[in-house]
Amino acid sequence: QVQLVESGGGLVQAGGSLRLSCAASGSVFRVNAMGWYRQAAGSQRGLVAVITSGGTTNYGDPVKGRFTISRDNAKNTVYLQMNSLNPEDTAVYYCAADDRYHSRWYWGQGTQVTVSS
């Protein structure tokens, strides 16, 4: 099993920045890709960004050019730098990790990001 713990959420004004962190623990040798998803009230969970163990990244269209995902494999930690935030970015942000041996993803408990106008 892999445990994921997010940190860094909070309240920020439009145009501001936040940095999320997610640390993996447990059977971290199972982890391949790591990423962030978000779910706004009344909406489905959607991709924010994902990064493979080799550093290849993929971003959801709404965040391209504003958010940057990075990863420290030595610390088993993934980061999400969020710039130029707007109220539409308000959501619960979930960290996720892909199990390289099984077709499953592990999920963190989520961290709230609120952007005020």
PDB file of N, CA and C in Angstrom:
ATOM      1  N   GLN A   1       0.835  -1.198   0.000  1.00  0.00           N
ATOM      2  CA  GLN A   1       0.000   0.000   0.000  1.00  0.00           C
ATOM      3  C   GLN A   1       0.870   1.249   0.000  1.00  0.00           C
ATOM      4  N   VAL A   2       0.311   2.284  -0.568  1.00  0.00           N
ATOM      5  CA  VAL A   2       0.975   3.588  -0.627  1.00  0.00           C
ATOM      6  C   VAL A   2       0.065   4.610   0.035  1.00  0.00           C
ATOM      7  N   GLN A   3       0.639   5.416   0.892  1.00  0.00           N
ATOM      8  CA  GLN A   3      -0.102   6.494   1.532  1.00  0.00           C
ATOM      9  C   GLN A   3       0.372   7.829   0.958  1.00  0.00           C
ATOM     10  N   LEU A   4      -0.584   8.715   0.729  1.00  0.00           N
ATOM     11  CA  LEU A   4      -0.294  10.032   0.169  1.00  0.00           C
ATOM     12  C   LEU A   4      -0.842  11.099   1.099  1.00  0.00           C
ATOM     13  N   VAL A   5      -0.002  12.079   1.409  1.00  0.00           N
ATOM     14  CA  VAL A   5      -0.414  13.171   2.292  1.00  0.00           C
ATOM     15  C   VAL A   5      -0.138  14.495   1.592  1.00  0.00           C
ATOM     16  N   GLU A   6      -1.221  15.250   1.364  1.00  0.00           N
ATOM     17  CA  GLU A   6      -1.099  16.550   0.702  1.00  0.00           C
ATOM     18  C   GLU A   6      -0.935  17.668   1.722  1.00  0.00           C
ATOM     19  N   SER A   7      -0.334  18.745   1.282  1.00  0.00           N
ATOM     20  CA  SER A   7      -0.238  19.955   2.095  1.00  0.00           C
ATOM     21  C   SER A   7      -0.130  21.151   1.172  1.00  0.00           C
ATOM     22  N   GLY A   8      -0.430  22.329   1.718  1.00  0.00           N
ATOM     23  CA  GLY A   8      -0.226  23.558   0.969  1.00  0.00           C
ATOM     24  C   GLY A   8      -1.472  24.244   0.465  1.00  0.00           C
ATOM     25  N   GLY A   9      -2.626  23.654   0.678  1.00  0.00           N
ATOM     26  CA  GLY A   9      -3.846  24.312   0.239  1.00  0.00           C
ATOM     27  C   GLY A   9      -4.171  25.514   1.112  1.00  0.00           C
ATOM     28  N   GLY A  10      -5.195  26.258   0.705  1.00  0.00           N
ATOM     29  CA  GLY A  10      -5.600  27.413   1.489  1.00  0.00           C
ATOM     30  C   GLY A  10      -6.396  28.397   0.674  1.00  0.00           C
ATOM     31  N   LEU A  11      -6.485  29.603   1.203  1.00  0.00           N
ATOM     32  CA  LEU A  11      -7.243  30.689   0.574  1.00  0.00           C
ATOM     33  C   LEU A  11      -6.268  31.694  -0.027  1.00  0.00           C
ATOM     34  N   VAL A  12      -6.544  32.074  -1.257  1.00  0.00           N
ATOM     35  CA  VAL A  12      -5.668  33.023  -1.941  1.00  0.00           C
ATOM     36  C   VAL A  12      -6.527  33.929  -2.810  1.00  0.00           C
ATOM     37  N   GLN A  13      -6.075  35.128  -3.036  1.00  0.00           N
ATOM     38  CA  GLN A  13      -6.809  36.044  -3.906  1.00  0.00           C
ATOM     39  C   GLN A  13      -6.509  35.740  -5.366  1.00  0.00           C
ATOM     40  N   ALA A  14      -7.433  36.111  -6.213  1.00  0.00           N
ATOM     41  CA  ALA A  14      -7.237  35.931  -7.658  1.00  0.00           C
ATOM     42  C   ALA A  14      -5.942  36.601  -8.099  1.00  0.00           C
ATOM     43  N   GLY A  15      -5.209  35.886  -8.943  1.00  0.00           N
ATOM     44  CA  GLY A  15      -3.918  36.367  -9.404  1.00  0.00           C
ATOM     45  C   GLY A  15      -2.752  35.890  -8.564  1.00  0.00           C
ATOM     46  N   GLY A  16      -3.056  35.309  -7.423  1.00  0.00           N
ATOM     47  CA  GLY A  16      -2.026  34.848  -6.524  1.00  0.00           C
ATOM     48  C   GLY A  16      -1.504  33.462  -6.868  1.00  0.00           C
ATOM     49  N   SER A  17      -0.648  32.954  -5.989  1.00  0.00           N
ATOM     50  CA  SER A  17       0.001  31.663  -6.207  1.00  0.00           C
ATOM     51  C   SER A  17      -0.093  30.804  -4.959  1.00  0.00           C
ATOM     52  N   LEU A  18      -0.058  29.508  -5.173  1.00  0.00           N
ATOM     53  CA  LEU A  18       0.036  28.523  -4.109  1.00  0.00           C
ATOM     54  C   LEU A  18       0.906  27.385  -4.589  1.00  0.00           C
ATOM     55  N   ARG A  19       1.521  26.696  -3.640  1.00  0.00           N
ATOM     56  CA  ARG A  19       2.292  25.505  -3.970  1.00  0.00           C
ATOM     57  C   ARG A  19       1.797  24.349  -3.132  1.00  0.00           C
ATOM     58  N   LEU A  20       1.354  23.303  -3.803  1.00  0.00           N
ATOM     59  CA  LEU A  20       0.920  22.088  -3.135  1.00  0.00           C
ATOM     60  C   LEU A  20       2.053  21.072  -3.120  1.00  0.00           C
ATOM     61  N   SER A  21       2.078  20.289  -2.061  1.00  0.00           N
ATOM     62  CA  SER A  21       3.032  19.197  -1.940  1.00  0.00           C
ATOM     63  C   SER A  21       2.295  17.925  -1.603  1.00  0.00           C
ATOM     64  N   CYS A  22       2.850  16.806  -2.020  1.00  0.00           N
ATOM     65  CA  CYS A  22       2.271  15.503  -1.712  1.00  0.00           C
ATOM     66  C   CYS A  22       3.412  14.525  -1.487  1.00  0.00           C
ATOM     67  N   ALA A  23       3.461  13.980  -0.290  1.00  0.00           N
ATOM     68  CA  ALA A  23       4.504  13.021   0.062  1.00  0.00           C
ATOM     69  C   ALA A  23       3.936  11.616   0.085  1.00  0.00           C
ATOM     70  N   ALA A  24       4.618  10.715  -0.567  1.00  0.00           N
ATOM     71  CA  ALA A  24       4.229   9.311  -0.589  1.00  0.00           C
ATOM     72  C   ALA A  24       5.036   8.547   0.447  1.00  0.00           C
ATOM     73  N   SER A  25       4.384   7.582   1.085  1.00  0.00           N
ATOM     74  CA  SER A  25       5.058   6.718   2.041  1.00  0.00           C
ATOM     75  C   SER A  25       4.499   5.308   1.914  1.00  0.00           C
ATOM     76  N   GLY A  26       5.115   4.375   2.598  1.00  0.00           N
ATOM     77  CA  GLY A  26       4.700   2.986   2.497  1.00  0.00           C
ATOM     78  C   GLY A  26       5.478   2.284   1.395  1.00  0.00           C
ATOM     79  N   SER A  27       4.790   1.572   0.562  1.00  0.00           N
ATOM     80  CA  SER A  27       5.419   0.793  -0.504  1.00  0.00           C
ATOM     81  C   SER A  27       5.701   1.674  -1.717  1.00  0.00           C
ATOM     82  N   VAL A  28       6.579   2.638  -1.538  1.00  0.00           N
ATOM     83  CA  VAL A  28       6.810   3.641  -2.587  1.00  0.00           C
ATOM     84  C   VAL A  28       7.476   3.050  -3.821  1.00  0.00           C
ATOM     85  N   PHE A  29       8.064   1.856  -3.710  1.00  0.00           N
ATOM     86  CA  PHE A  29       8.662   1.224  -4.883  1.00  0.00           C
ATOM     87  C   PHE A  29       7.590   0.902  -5.930  1.00  0.00           C
ATOM     88  N   ARG A  30       6.325   0.874  -5.507  1.00  0.00           N
ATOM     89  CA  ARG A  30       5.229   0.581  -6.420  1.00  0.00           C
ATOM     90  C   ARG A  30       4.846   1.795  -7.267  1.00  0.00           C
ATOM     91  N   VAL A  31       5.287   2.975  -6.867  1.00  0.00           N
ATOM     92  CA  VAL A  31       4.804   4.208  -7.491  1.00  0.00           C
ATOM     93  C   VAL A  31       5.484   4.460  -8.826  1.00  0.00           C
ATOM     94  N   ASN A  32       4.666   4.718  -9.843  1.00  0.00           N
ATOM     95  CA  ASN A  32       5.182   5.113 -11.149  1.00  0.00           C
ATOM     96  C   ASN A  32       4.852   6.585 -11.345  1.00  0.00           C
ATOM     97  N   ALA A  33       3.777   6.879 -12.026  1.00  0.00           N
ATOM     98  CA  ALA A  33       3.380   8.277 -12.210  1.00  0.00           C
ATOM     99  C   ALA A  33       2.743   8.829 -10.940  1.00  0.00           C
ATOM    100  N   MET A  34       2.870  10.134 -10.776  1.00  0.00           N
ATOM    101  CA  MET A  34       2.176  10.851  -9.698  1.00  0.00           C
ATOM    102  C   MET A  34       1.505  12.076 -10.302  1.00  0.00           C
ATOM    103  N   GLY A  35       0.462  12.510  -9.657  1.00  0.00           N
ATOM    104  CA  GLY A  35      -0.226  13.649 -10.245  1.00  0.00           C
ATOM    105  C   GLY A  35      -1.228  14.293  -9.318  1.00  0.00           C
ATOM    106  N   TRP A  36      -1.916  15.268  -9.886  1.00  0.00           N
ATOM    107  CA  TRP A  36      -2.937  16.014  -9.167  1.00  0.00           C
ATOM    108  C   TRP A  36      -4.220  16.027  -9.973  1.00  0.00           C
ATOM    109  N   TYR A  37      -5.303  15.841  -9.269  1.00  0.00           N
ATOM    110  CA  TYR A  37      -6.639  15.973  -9.826  1.00  0.00           C
ATOM    111  C   TYR A  37      -7.402  16.947  -8.940  1.00  0.00           C
ATOM    112  N   ARG A  38      -8.473  17.487  -9.473  1.00  0.00           N
ATOM    113  CA  ARG A  38      -9.272  18.395  -8.644  1.00  0.00           C
ATOM    114  C   ARG A  38     -10.750  18.180  -8.883  1.00  0.00           C
ATOM    115  N   GLN A  39     -11.517  18.531  -7.856  1.00  0.00           N
ATOM    116  CA  GLN A  39     -12.963  18.380  -7.939  1.00  0.00           C
ATOM    117  C   GLN A  39     -13.609  19.588  -7.305  1.00  0.00           C
ATOM    118  N   ALA A  40     -14.299  20.354  -8.120  1.00  0.00           N
ATOM    119  CA  ALA A  40     -15.064  21.484  -7.629  1.00  0.00           C
ATOM    120  C   ALA A  40     -16.454  21.012  -7.216  1.00  0.00           C
ATOM    121  N   ALA A  41     -17.106  21.789  -6.388  1.00  0.00           N
ATOM    122  CA  ALA A  41     -18.437  21.436  -5.915  1.00  0.00           C
ATOM    123  C   ALA A  41     -19.374  21.244  -7.100  1.00  0.00           C
ATOM    124  N   GLY A  42     -20.062  20.118  -7.131  1.00  0.00           N
ATOM    125  CA  GLY A  42     -21.015  19.838  -8.193  1.00  0.00           C
ATOM    126  C   GLY A  42     -20.396  19.396  -9.504  1.00  0.00           C
ATOM    127  N   SER A  43     -19.102  19.158  -9.517  1.00  0.00           N
ATOM    128  CA  SER A  43     -18.420  18.757 -10.744  1.00  0.00           C
ATOM    129  C   SER A  43     -17.699  17.426 -10.554  1.00  0.00           C
ATOM    130  N   GLN A  44     -17.327  16.820 -11.665  1.00  0.00           N
ATOM    131  CA  GLN A  44     -16.562  15.584 -11.597  1.00  0.00           C
ATOM    132  C   GLN A  44     -15.083  15.889 -11.363  1.00  0.00           C
ATOM    133  N   ARG A  45     -14.401  14.903 -10.842  1.00  0.00           N
ATOM    134  CA  ARG A  45     -12.958  15.033 -10.643  1.00  0.00           C
ATOM    135  C   ARG A  45     -12.271  15.040 -12.000  1.00  0.00           C
ATOM    136  N   GLY A  46     -11.313  15.956 -12.169  1.00  0.00           N
ATOM    137  CA  GLY A  46     -10.622  16.064 -13.440  1.00  0.00           C
ATOM    138  C   GLY A  46      -9.129  16.225 -13.281  1.00  0.00           C
ATOM    139  N   LEU A  47      -8.423  15.935 -14.352  1.00  0.00           N
ATOM    140  CA  LEU A  47      -6.969  16.004 -14.352  1.00  0.00           C
ATOM    141  C   LEU A  47      -6.486  17.443 -14.221  1.00  0.00           C
ATOM    142  N   VAL A  48      -5.507  17.631 -13.337  1.00  0.00           N
ATOM    143  CA  VAL A  48      -4.777  18.893 -13.290  1.00  0.00           C
ATOM    144  C   VAL A  48      -3.439  18.699 -13.983  1.00  0.00           C
ATOM    145  N   ALA A  49      -2.649  17.762 -13.464  1.00  0.00           N
ATOM    146  CA  ALA A  49      -1.340  17.493 -14.054  1.00  0.00           C
ATOM    147  C   ALA A  49      -0.839  16.151 -13.557  1.00  0.00           C
ATOM    148  N   VAL A  50      -0.012  15.516 -14.378  1.00  0.00           N
ATOM    149  CA  VAL A  50       0.582  14.249 -13.990  1.00  0.00           C
ATOM    150  C   VAL A  50       2.027  14.248 -14.467  1.00  0.00           C
ATOM    151  N   ILE A  51       2.876  13.531 -13.740  1.00  0.00           N
ATOM    152  CA  ILE A  51       4.286  13.441 -14.089  1.00  0.00           C
ATOM    153  C   ILE A  51       4.742  11.999 -13.879  1.00  0.00           C
ATOM    154  N   THR A  52       5.458  11.467 -14.858  1.00  0.00           N
ATOM    155  CA  THR A  52       5.962  10.102 -14.736  1.00  0.00           C
ATOM    156  C   THR A  52       7.240  10.085 -13.899  1.00  0.00           C
ATOM    157  N   SER A  53       7.694   8.896 -13.565  1.00  0.00           N
ATOM    158  CA  SER A  53       8.936   8.776 -12.812  1.00  0.00           C
ATOM    159  C   SER A  53      10.123   9.315 -13.609  1.00  0.00           C
ATOM    160  N   GLY A  54       9.996   9.328 -14.926  1.00  0.00           N
ATOM    161  CA  GLY A  54      11.057   9.862 -15.774  1.00  0.00           C
ATOM    162  C   GLY A  54      10.954  11.351 -16.037  1.00  0.00           C
ATOM    163  N   GLY A  55       9.883  11.979 -15.551  1.00  0.00           N
ATOM    164  CA  GLY A  55       9.755  13.424 -15.677  1.00  0.00           C
ATOM    165  C   GLY A  55       8.859  13.911 -16.801  1.00  0.00           C
ATOM    166  N   THR A  56       8.230  13.023 -17.531  1.00  0.00           N
ATOM    167  CA  THR A  56       7.294  13.448 -18.573  1.00  0.00           C
ATOM    168  C   THR A  56       6.025  13.985 -17.921  1.00  0.00           C
ATOM    169  N   THR A  57       5.558  15.122 -18.422  1.00  0.00           N
ATOM    170  CA  THR A  57       4.404  15.773 -17.805  1.00  0.00           C
ATOM    171  C   THR A  57       3.232  15.887 -18.771  1.00  0.00           C
ATOM    172  N   ASN A  58       2.058  15.987 -18.187  1.00  0.00           N
ATOM    173  CA  ASN A  58       0.840  16.202 -18.957  1.00  0.00           C
ATOM    174  C   ASN A  58      -0.071  17.084 -18.119  1.00  0.00           C
ATOM    175  N   TYR A  59      -0.702  18.067 -18.756  1.00  0.00           N
ATOM    176  CA  TYR A  59      -1.536  19.019 -18.032  1.00  0.00           C
ATOM    177  C   TYR A  59      -2.953  19.054 -18.591  1.00  0.00           C
ATOM    178  N   GLY A  60      -3.900  19.310 -17.707  1.00  0.00           N
ATOM    179  CA  GLY A  60      -5.244  19.578 -18.163  1.00  0.00           C
ATOM    180  C   GLY A  60      -5.287  20.942 -18.843  1.00  0.00           C
ATOM    181  N   ASP A  61      -6.149  21.077 -19.846  1.00  0.00           N
ATOM    182  CA  ASP A  61      -6.189  22.314 -20.621  1.00  0.00           C
ATOM    183  C   ASP A  61      -6.394  23.570 -19.777  1.00  0.00           C
ATOM    184  N   PRO A  62      -7.260  23.550 -18.765  1.00  0.00           N
ATOM    185  CA  PRO A  62      -7.509  24.794 -18.006  1.00  0.00           C
ATOM    186  C   PRO A  62      -6.294  25.354 -17.265  1.00  0.00           C
ATOM    187  N   VAL A  63      -5.276  24.525 -17.045  1.00  0.00           N
ATOM    188  CA  VAL A  63      -4.148  24.974 -16.220  1.00  0.00           C
ATOM    189  C   VAL A  63      -2.856  25.136 -17.005  1.00  0.00           C
ATOM    190  N   LYS A  64      -2.876  24.788 -18.279  1.00  0.00           N
ATOM    191  CA  LYS A  64      -1.659  24.891 -19.089  1.00  0.00           C
ATOM    192  C   LYS A  64      -1.137  26.320 -19.097  1.00  0.00           C
ATOM    193  N   GLY A  65       0.159  26.450 -18.861  1.00  0.00           N
ATOM    194  CA  GLY A  65       0.786  27.762 -18.854  1.00  0.00           C
ATOM    195  C   GLY A  65       0.732  28.470 -17.516  1.00  0.00           C
ATOM    196  N   ARG A  66      -0.051  27.940 -16.578  1.00  0.00           N
ATOM    197  CA  ARG A  66      -0.177  28.575 -15.259  1.00  0.00           C
ATOM    198  C   ARG A  66       0.334  27.683 -14.136  1.00  0.00           C
ATOM    199  N   PHE A  67       0.140  26.383 -14.263  1.00  0.00           N
ATOM    200  CA  PHE A  67       0.555  25.434 -13.235  1.00  0.00           C
ATOM    201  C   PHE A  67       1.771  24.652 -13.719  1.00  0.00           C
ATOM    202  N   THR A  68       2.614  24.276 -12.756  1.00  0.00           N
ATOM    203  CA  THR A  68       3.779  23.462 -13.072  1.00  0.00           C
ATOM    204  C   THR A  68       3.880  22.323 -12.070  1.00  0.00           C
ATOM    205  N   ILE A  69       3.976  21.106 -12.580  1.00  0.00           N
ATOM    206  CA  ILE A  69       4.150  19.943 -11.733  1.00  0.00           C
ATOM    207  C   ILE A  69       5.620  19.550 -11.745  1.00  0.00           C
ATOM    208  N   SER A  70       6.106  19.136 -10.584  1.00  0.00           N
ATOM    209  CA  SER A  70       7.491  18.675 -10.483  1.00  0.00           C
ATOM    210  C   SER A  70       7.547  17.554  -9.462  1.00  0.00           C
ATOM    211  N   ARG A  71       8.695  16.911  -9.418  1.00  0.00           N
ATOM    212  CA  ARG A  71       8.783  15.708  -8.591  1.00  0.00           C
ATOM    213  C   ARG A  71      10.198  15.552  -8.073  1.00  0.00           C
ATOM    214  N   ASP A  72      10.305  15.145  -6.825  1.00  0.00           N
ATOM    215  CA  ASP A  72      11.586  14.806  -6.206  1.00  0.00           C
ATOM    216  C   ASP A  72      11.529  13.317  -5.876  1.00  0.00           C
ATOM    217  N   ASN A  73      12.106  12.493  -6.729  1.00  0.00           N
ATOM    218  CA  ASN A  73      12.022  11.046  -6.534  1.00  0.00           C
ATOM    219  C   ASN A  73      12.729  10.596  -5.261  1.00  0.00           C
ATOM    220  N   ALA A  74      13.779  11.296  -4.880  1.00  0.00           N
ATOM    221  CA  ALA A  74      14.505  10.929  -3.659  1.00  0.00           C
ATOM    222  C   ALA A  74      13.643  11.124  -2.415  1.00  0.00           C
ATOM    223  N   LYS A  75      12.738  12.104  -2.490  1.00  0.00           N
ATOM    224  CA  LYS A  75      11.851  12.387  -1.351  1.00  0.00           C
ATOM    225  C   LYS A  75      10.463  11.793  -1.541  1.00  0.00           C
ATOM    226  N   ASN A  76      10.246  11.125  -2.679  1.00  0.00           N
ATOM    227  CA  ASN A  76       8.933  10.550  -2.977  1.00  0.00           C
ATOM    228  C   ASN A  76       7.837  11.606  -2.855  1.00  0.00           C
ATOM    229  N   THR A  77       8.123  12.773  -3.380  1.00  0.00           N
ATOM    230  CA  THR A  77       7.228  13.911  -3.243  1.00  0.00           C
ATOM    231  C   THR A  77       6.966  14.549  -4.598  1.00  0.00           C
ATOM    232  N   VAL A  78       5.718  14.930  -4.799  1.00  0.00           N
ATOM    233  CA  VAL A  78       5.331  15.647  -6.008  1.00  0.00           C
ATOM    234  C   VAL A  78       4.800  17.017  -5.596  1.00  0.00           C
ATOM    235  N   TYR A  79       5.082  18.002  -6.435  1.00  0.00           N
ATOM    236  CA  TYR A  79       4.692  19.384  -6.140  1.00  0.00           C
ATOM    237  C   TYR A  79       3.810  19.928  -7.262  1.00  0.00           C
ATOM    238  N   LEU A  80       2.990  20.894  -6.919  1.00  0.00           N
ATOM    239  CA  LEU A  80       2.206  21.598  -7.923  1.00  0.00           C
ATOM    240  C   LEU A  80       2.309  23.087  -7.635  1.00  0.00           C
ATOM    241  N   GLN A  81       3.020  23.793  -8.489  1.00  0.00           N
ATOM    242  CA  GLN A  81       3.113  25.234  -8.381  1.00  0.00           C
ATOM    243  C   GLN A  81       1.984  25.844  -9.198  1.00  0.00           C
ATOM    244  N   MET A  82       1.135  26.601  -8.523  1.00  0.00           N
ATOM    245  CA  MET A  82      -0.046  27.178  -9.157  1.00  0.00           C
ATOM    246  C   MET A  82       0.088  28.698  -9.173  1.00  0.00           C
ATOM    247  N   ASN A  83       0.151  29.259 -10.354  1.00  0.00           N
ATOM    248  CA  ASN A  83       0.275  30.712 -10.528  1.00  0.00           C
ATOM    249  C   ASN A  83      -0.954  31.254 -11.251  1.00  0.00           C
ATOM    250  N   SER A  84      -1.122  32.554 -11.156  1.00  0.00           N
ATOM    251  CA  SER A  84      -2.242  33.230 -11.832  1.00  0.00           C
ATOM    252  C   SER A  84      -3.567  32.544 -11.530  1.00  0.00           C
ATOM    253  N   LEU A  85      -3.781  32.260 -10.269  1.00  0.00           N
ATOM    254  CA  LEU A  85      -4.999  31.566  -9.861  1.00  0.00           C
ATOM    255  C   LEU A  85      -6.221  32.431 -10.090  1.00  0.00           C
ATOM    256  N   ASN A  86      -7.317  31.786 -10.448  1.00  0.00           N
ATOM    257  CA  ASN A  86      -8.583  32.478 -10.610  1.00  0.00           C
ATOM    258  C   ASN A  86      -9.672  31.698  -9.875  1.00  0.00           C
ATOM    259  N   PRO A  87     -10.826  32.298  -9.649  1.00  0.00           N
ATOM    260  CA  PRO A  87     -11.870  31.627  -8.861  1.00  0.00           C
ATOM    261  C   PRO A  87     -12.285  30.273  -9.431  1.00  0.00           C
ATOM    262  N   GLU A  88     -12.115  30.074 -10.732  1.00  0.00           N
ATOM    263  CA  GLU A  88     -12.481  28.784 -11.327  1.00  0.00           C
ATOM    264  C   GLU A  88     -11.528  27.663 -10.901  1.00  0.00           C
ATOM    265  N   ASP A  89     -10.420  28.016 -10.284  1.00  0.00           N
ATOM    266  CA  ASP A  89      -9.491  27.011  -9.779  1.00  0.00           C
ATOM    267  C   ASP A  89      -9.891  26.509  -8.392  1.00  0.00           C
ATOM    268  N   THR A  90     -10.906  27.095  -7.814  1.00  0.00           N
ATOM    269  CA  THR A  90     -11.372  26.664  -6.506  1.00  0.00           C
ATOM    270  C   THR A  90     -11.873  25.234  -6.571  1.00  0.00           C
ATOM    271  N   ALA A  91     -11.312  24.379  -5.721  1.00  0.00           N
ATOM    272  CA  ALA A  91     -11.656  22.962  -5.740  1.00  0.00           C
ATOM    273  C   ALA A  91     -10.904  22.252  -4.618  1.00  0.00           C
ATOM    274  N   VAL A  92     -11.269  21.005  -4.412  1.00  0.00           N
ATOM    275  CA  VAL A  92     -10.439  20.120  -3.587  1.00  0.00           C
ATOM    276  C   VAL A  92      -9.429  19.468  -4.524  1.00  0.00           C
ATOM    277  N   TYR A  93      -8.178  19.573  -4.177  1.00  0.00           N
ATOM    278  CA  TYR A  93      -7.095  19.018  -4.990  1.00  0.00           C
ATOM    279  C   TYR A  93      -6.620  17.713  -4.362  1.00  0.00           C
ATOM    280  N   TYR A  94      -6.605  16.685  -5.189  1.00  0.00           N
ATOM    281  CA  TYR A  94      -6.225  15.352  -4.732  1.00  0.00           C
ATOM    282  C   TYR A  94      -4.912  14.928  -5.372  1.00  0.00           C
ATOM    283  N   CYS A  95      -4.032  14.406  -4.547  1.00  0.00           N
ATOM    284  CA  CYS A  95      -2.814  13.792  -5.045  1.00  0.00           C
ATOM    285  C   CYS A  95      -3.114  12.337  -5.414  1.00  0.00           C
ATOM    286  N   ALA A  96      -2.469  11.858  -6.458  1.00  0.00           N
ATOM    287  CA  ALA A  96      -2.676  10.490  -6.908  1.00  0.00           C
ATOM    288  C   ALA A  96      -1.345   9.879  -7.318  1.00  0.00           C
ATOM    289  N   ALA A  97      -1.259   8.567  -7.138  1.00  0.00           N
ATOM    290  CA  ALA A  97      -0.054   7.840  -7.522  1.00  0.00           C
ATOM    291  C   ALA A  97      -0.439   6.535  -8.187  1.00  0.00           C
ATOM    292  N   ASP A  98       0.245   6.250  -9.270  1.00  0.00           N
ATOM    293  CA  ASP A  98      -0.034   5.069 -10.077  1.00  0.00           C
ATOM    294  C   ASP A  98       0.813   3.896  -9.600  1.00  0.00           C
ATOM    295  N   ASP A  99       0.184   2.755  -9.419  1.00  0.00           N
ATOM    296  CA  ASP A  99       0.887   1.534  -9.034  1.00  0.00           C
ATOM    297  C   ASP A  99       1.435   0.859 -10.283  1.00  0.00           C
ATOM    298  N   ARG A 100       2.744   0.729 -10.361  1.00  0.00           N
ATOM    299  CA  ARG A 100       3.369   0.180 -11.555  1.00  0.00           C
ATOM    300  C   ARG A 100       3.110  -1.312 -11.735  1.00  0.00           C
ATOM    301  N   TYR A 101       2.640  -2.001 -10.711  1.00  0.00           N
ATOM    302  CA  TYR A 101       2.446  -3.449 -10.789  1.00  0.00           C
ATOM    303  C   TYR A 101       0.980  -3.834 -10.946  1.00  0.00           C
ATOM    304  N   HIS A 102       0.097  -2.920 -10.611  1.00  0.00           N
ATOM    305  CA  HIS A 102      -1.331  -3.204 -10.708  1.00  0.00           C
ATOM    306  C   HIS A 102      -2.039  -2.008 -11.324  1.00  0.00           C
ATOM    307  N   SER A 103      -3.175  -2.289 -11.926  1.00  0.00           N
ATOM    308  CA  SER A 103      -3.948  -1.211 -12.560  1.00  0.00           C
ATOM    309  C   SER A 103      -4.795  -0.510 -11.519  1.00  0.00           C
ATOM    310  N   ARG A 104      -4.123   0.343 -10.727  1.00  0.00           N
ATOM    311  CA  ARG A 104      -4.839   1.096  -9.724  1.00  0.00           C
ATOM    312  C   ARG A 104      -4.075   2.370  -9.403  1.00  0.00           C
ATOM    313  N   TRP A 105      -4.812   3.304  -8.882  1.00  0.00           N
ATOM    314  CA  TRP A 105      -4.249   4.551  -8.415  1.00  0.00           C
ATOM    315  C   TRP A 105      -4.523   4.662  -6.917  1.00  0.00           C
ATOM    316  N   TYR A 106      -3.561   5.212  -6.219  1.00  0.00           N
ATOM    317  CA  TYR A 106      -3.734   5.559  -4.817  1.00  0.00           C
ATOM    318  C   TYR A 106      -4.106   7.037  -4.746  1.00  0.00           C
ATOM    319  N   TRP A 107      -4.889   7.396  -3.739  1.00  0.00           N
ATOM    320  CA  TRP A 107      -5.377   8.771  -3.613  1.00  0.00           C
ATOM    321  C   TRP A 107      -5.102   9.322  -2.226  1.00  0.00           C
ATOM    322  N   GLY A 108      -4.773  10.609  -2.190  1.00  0.00           N
ATOM    323  CA  GLY A 108      -4.708  11.314  -0.930  1.00  0.00           C
ATOM    324  C   GLY A 108      -6.092  11.743  -0.495  1.00  0.00           C
ATOM    325  N   GLN A 109      -6.179  12.350   0.662  1.00  0.00           N
ATOM    326  CA  GLN A 109      -7.490  12.738   1.192  1.00  0.00           C
ATOM    327  C   GLN A 109      -7.952  14.076   0.651  1.00  0.00           C
ATOM    328  N   GLY A 110      -7.083  14.811   0.001  1.00  0.00           N
ATOM    329  CA  GLY A 110      -7.469  16.067  -0.623  1.00  0.00           C
ATOM    330  C   GLY A 110      -7.128  17.280   0.217  1.00  0.00           C
ATOM    331  N   THR A 111      -6.891  18.382  -0.472  1.00  0.00           N
ATOM    332  CA  THR A 111      -6.637  19.650   0.201  1.00  0.00           C
ATOM    333  C   THR A 111      -7.428  20.741  -0.518  1.00  0.00           C
ATOM    334  N   GLN A 112      -8.071  21.582   0.256  1.00  0.00           N
ATOM    335  CA  GLN A 112      -8.947  22.605  -0.319  1.00  0.00           C
ATOM    336  C   GLN A 112      -8.130  23.796  -0.797  1.00  0.00           C
ATOM    337  N   VAL A 113      -8.420  24.217  -2.015  1.00  0.00           N
ATOM    338  CA  VAL A 113      -7.871  25.463  -2.555  1.00  0.00           C
ATOM    339  C   VAL A 113      -9.043  26.374  -2.884  1.00  0.00           C
ATOM    340  N   THR A 114      -9.036  27.556  -2.305  1.00  0.00           N
ATOM    341  CA  THR A 114     -10.101  28.521  -2.545  1.00  0.00           C
ATOM    342  C   THR A 114      -9.491  29.821  -3.060  1.00  0.00           C
ATOM    343  N   VAL A 115      -9.991  30.264  -4.197  1.00  0.00           N
ATOM    344  CA  VAL A 115      -9.497  31.505  -4.813  1.00  0.00           C
ATOM    345  C   VAL A 115     -10.623  32.527  -4.773  1.00  0.00           C
ATOM    346  N   SER A 116     -10.372  33.614  -4.095  1.00  0.00           N
ATOM    347  CA  SER A 116     -11.387  34.669  -3.974  1.00  0.00           C
ATOM    348  C   SER A 116     -11.191  35.713  -5.069  1.00  0.00           C
ATOM    349  N   SER A 117     -12.307  36.284  -5.488  1.00  0.00           N
ATOM    350  CA  SER A 117     -12.244  37.286  -6.569  1.00  0.00           C
ATOM    351  C   SER A 117     -12.034  38.686  -6.016  1.00  0.00           C
TER     352      SER A 117
END
